[in-house]
Amino acid sequence: MKTYSQMTPEERRTEYAGLQETFAALKAQGLQLNMARGKPGKAQLDLVSDIFGLMHDRKSTRLNSSHS
């Protein structure tokens, strides 16, 4: 495949028209994509909720034992 700088103006117009058609077809699918990163799902949060509870209990136990 040629780079855009190697294409003739007519080839670039044809390429652009093809890309517009591809984009229109993707857009017509009506996808609702969330590309955000780092947002855990409910299932992931459920997996670690017990761990967070243990960490919290351990902190409070450590604090309480240091005051004895």
N, C-alpha and C. Protein backbone atom coordinates (compact mmCIF):
# COMPACT_ATOMS: atom_id res chain seq x y z
N MET A 1 0.84 -1.19 0.00
CA MET A 1 0.00 0.00 0.00
C MET A 1 0.88 1.24 0.00
N LYS A 2 0.49 2.19 -0.78
CA LYS A 2 1.23 3.45 -0.86
C LYS A 2 0.96 4.30 0.38
N THR A 3 1.91 5.14 0.71
CA THR A 3 1.66 6.13 1.75
C THR A 3 0.84 7.26 1.12
N TYR A 4 0.22 8.06 1.94
CA TYR A 4 -0.61 9.15 1.41
C TYR A 4 0.21 10.11 0.55
N SER A 5 1.45 10.33 0.93
CA SER A 5 2.27 11.26 0.15
C SER A 5 2.63 10.69 -1.22
N GLN A 6 2.56 9.36 -1.36
CA GLN A 6 2.85 8.72 -2.65
C GLN A 6 1.61 8.63 -3.54
N MET A 7 0.44 8.86 -2.99
CA MET A 7 -0.81 8.74 -3.75
C MET A 7 -1.07 9.99 -4.59
N THR A 8 -1.75 9.77 -5.68
CA THR A 8 -2.21 10.90 -6.49
C THR A 8 -3.42 11.51 -5.79
N PRO A 9 -3.77 12.74 -6.13
CA PRO A 9 -4.96 13.34 -5.51
C PRO A 9 -6.21 12.47 -5.69
N GLU A 10 -6.37 11.85 -6.85
CA GLU A 10 -7.53 10.99 -7.08
C GLU A 10 -7.50 9.75 -6.17
N GLU A 11 -6.34 9.17 -5.99
CA GLU A 11 -6.20 8.01 -5.10
C GLU A 11 -6.52 8.40 -3.65
N ARG A 12 -6.09 9.59 -3.25
CA ARG A 12 -6.40 10.05 -1.88
C ARG A 12 -7.89 10.28 -1.71
N ARG A 13 -8.56 10.83 -2.72
CA ARG A 13 -10.02 11.03 -2.65
C ARG A 13 -10.74 9.69 -2.54
N THR A 14 -10.28 8.70 -3.32
CA THR A 14 -10.88 7.37 -3.27
C THR A 14 -10.67 6.74 -1.90
N GLU A 15 -9.47 6.85 -1.37
CA GLU A 15 -9.16 6.33 -0.04
C GLU A 15 -10.04 7.00 1.02
N TYR A 16 -10.17 8.30 0.94
CA TYR A 16 -10.98 9.05 1.90
C TYR A 16 -12.44 8.62 1.84
N ALA A 17 -12.96 8.45 0.63
CA ALA A 17 -14.35 8.01 0.47
C ALA A 17 -14.54 6.62 1.10
N GLY A 18 -13.60 5.74 0.90
CA GLY A 18 -13.69 4.41 1.49
C GLY A 18 -13.65 4.45 3.01
N LEU A 19 -12.79 5.31 3.56
CA LEU A 19 -12.71 5.45 5.01
C LEU A 19 -14.00 6.04 5.58
N GLN A 20 -14.60 6.97 4.86
CA GLN A 20 -15.87 7.55 5.30
C GLN A 20 -16.96 6.48 5.34
N GLU A 21 -16.98 5.61 4.33
CA GLU A 21 -17.98 4.52 4.31
C GLU A 21 -17.76 3.57 5.48
N THR A 22 -16.52 3.23 5.74
CA THR A 22 -16.21 2.34 6.86
C THR A 22 -16.64 2.96 8.17
N PHE A 23 -16.34 4.25 8.34
CA PHE A 23 -16.72 4.95 9.56
C PHE A 23 -18.23 5.00 9.71
N ALA A 24 -18.94 5.29 8.63
CA ALA A 24 -20.40 5.36 8.68
C ALA A 24 -20.99 4.00 9.08
N ALA A 25 -20.42 2.91 8.57
CA ALA A 25 -20.91 1.58 8.92
C ALA A 25 -20.69 1.28 10.40
N LEU A 26 -19.53 1.66 10.91
CA LEU A 26 -19.25 1.45 12.34
C LEU A 26 -20.18 2.31 13.20
N LYS A 27 -20.38 3.53 12.79
CA LYS A 27 -21.23 4.45 13.54
C LYS A 27 -22.68 3.96 13.54
N ALA A 28 -23.12 3.36 12.44
CA ALA A 28 -24.50 2.87 12.32
C ALA A 28 -24.77 1.71 13.28
N GLN A 29 -23.74 1.05 13.76
CA GLN A 29 -23.93 -0.04 14.70
C GLN A 29 -24.42 0.46 16.06
N GLY A 30 -24.24 1.74 16.32
CA GLY A 30 -24.73 2.34 17.57
C GLY A 30 -24.04 1.81 18.82
N LEU A 31 -22.79 1.45 18.70
CA LEU A 31 -22.06 0.91 19.84
C LEU A 31 -21.86 1.98 20.91
N GLN A 32 -21.94 1.56 22.15
CA GLN A 32 -21.70 2.46 23.27
C GLN A 32 -20.44 1.97 23.98
N LEU A 33 -19.29 2.35 23.48
CA LEU A 33 -18.03 1.87 24.01
C LEU A 33 -17.51 2.82 25.08
N ASN A 34 -17.07 2.27 26.19
CA ASN A 34 -16.45 3.05 27.25
C ASN A 34 -14.97 2.69 27.23
N MET A 35 -14.16 3.61 26.77
CA MET A 35 -12.73 3.36 26.63
C MET A 35 -11.95 3.81 27.86
N ALA A 36 -12.67 4.17 28.92
CA ALA A 36 -11.99 4.59 30.14
C ALA A 36 -11.24 3.41 30.73
N ARG A 37 -10.11 3.70 31.33
CA ARG A 37 -9.31 2.64 31.93
C ARG A 37 -9.35 2.79 33.44
N GLY A 38 -9.15 1.69 34.11
CA GLY A 38 -9.04 1.72 35.56
C GLY A 38 -10.35 1.75 36.31
N LYS A 39 -11.45 1.51 35.62
CA LYS A 39 -12.74 1.49 36.30
C LYS A 39 -13.14 0.03 36.51
N PRO A 40 -13.00 -0.48 37.72
CA PRO A 40 -13.33 -1.89 37.94
C PRO A 40 -14.83 -2.13 37.86
N GLY A 41 -15.18 -3.29 37.39
CA GLY A 41 -16.58 -3.69 37.34
C GLY A 41 -17.02 -4.23 38.70
N LYS A 42 -18.32 -4.46 38.84
CA LYS A 42 -18.86 -4.96 40.09
C LYS A 42 -18.22 -6.30 40.47
N ALA A 43 -18.03 -7.17 39.49
CA ALA A 43 -17.44 -8.48 39.78
C ALA A 43 -16.03 -8.34 40.35
N GLN A 44 -15.26 -7.40 39.81
CA GLN A 44 -13.91 -7.18 40.32
C GLN A 44 -13.95 -6.62 41.74
N LEU A 45 -14.86 -5.71 41.98
CA LEU A 45 -14.96 -5.14 43.33
C LEU A 45 -15.40 -6.19 44.34
N ASP A 46 -16.30 -7.08 43.92
CA ASP A 46 -16.74 -8.15 44.82
C ASP A 46 -15.58 -9.06 45.20
N LEU A 47 -14.65 -9.28 44.29
CA LEU A 47 -13.51 -10.15 44.57
C LEU A 47 -12.60 -9.58 45.65
N VAL A 48 -12.47 -8.27 45.71
CA VAL A 48 -11.51 -7.67 46.64
C VAL A 48 -12.16 -7.08 47.89
N SER A 49 -13.47 -7.07 47.97
CA SER A 49 -14.12 -6.43 49.11
C SER A 49 -13.72 -7.10 50.43
N ASP A 50 -13.60 -8.43 50.43
CA ASP A 50 -13.18 -9.12 51.65
C ASP A 50 -11.75 -8.75 52.04
N ILE A 51 -10.90 -8.59 51.04
CA ILE A 51 -9.51 -8.22 51.31
C ILE A 51 -9.45 -6.84 51.95
N PHE A 52 -10.23 -5.90 51.42
CA PHE A 52 -10.25 -4.56 52.01
C PHE A 52 -10.76 -4.61 53.44
N GLY A 53 -11.73 -5.48 53.71
CA GLY A 53 -12.24 -5.64 55.07
C GLY A 53 -11.17 -6.14 56.01
N LEU A 54 -10.38 -7.10 55.54
CA LEU A 54 -9.28 -7.62 56.37
C LEU A 54 -8.24 -6.55 56.65
N MET A 55 -7.93 -5.76 55.65
CA MET A 55 -6.93 -4.70 55.83
C MET A 55 -7.43 -3.69 56.84
N HIS A 56 -8.71 -3.35 56.75
CA HIS A 56 -9.27 -2.39 57.69
C HIS A 56 -9.25 -2.95 59.11
N ASP A 57 -9.66 -4.22 59.27
CA ASP A 57 -9.66 -4.85 60.59
C ASP A 57 -8.25 -4.91 61.17
N ARG A 58 -7.28 -5.22 60.33
CA ARG A 58 -5.90 -5.33 60.80
C ARG A 58 -5.40 -3.97 61.28
N LYS A 59 -5.74 -2.89 60.56
CA LYS A 59 -5.32 -1.56 60.98
C LYS A 59 -5.92 -1.20 62.33
N SER A 60 -7.22 -1.47 62.48
CA SER A 60 -7.87 -1.11 63.75
C SER A 60 -7.32 -1.97 64.89
N THR A 61 -7.01 -3.25 64.62
CA THR A 61 -6.42 -4.12 65.64
C THR A 61 -5.04 -3.60 66.03
N ARG A 62 -4.25 -3.21 65.05
CA ARG A 62 -2.91 -2.72 65.33
C ARG A 62 -2.98 -1.42 66.13
N LEU A 63 -3.92 -0.55 65.78
CA LEU A 63 -4.06 0.70 66.52
C LEU A 63 -4.50 0.44 67.95
N ASN A 64 -5.44 -0.48 68.09
CA ASN A 64 -5.94 -0.78 69.44
C ASN A 64 -4.87 -1.43 70.30
N SER A 65 -4.06 -2.32 69.71
CA SER A 65 -3.04 -2.99 70.51
C SER A 65 -1.92 -2.04 70.91
N SER A 66 -1.67 -1.00 70.16
CA SER A 66 -0.59 -0.08 70.50
C SER A 66 -1.00 0.85 71.65
N HIS A 67 -2.31 0.99 71.87
CA HIS A 67 -2.78 1.83 72.97
C HIS A 67 -2.88 1.07 74.27
N SER A 68 -2.66 -0.23 74.28
CA SER A 68 -2.81 -1.04 75.50
C SER A 68 -1.72 -0.78 76.49
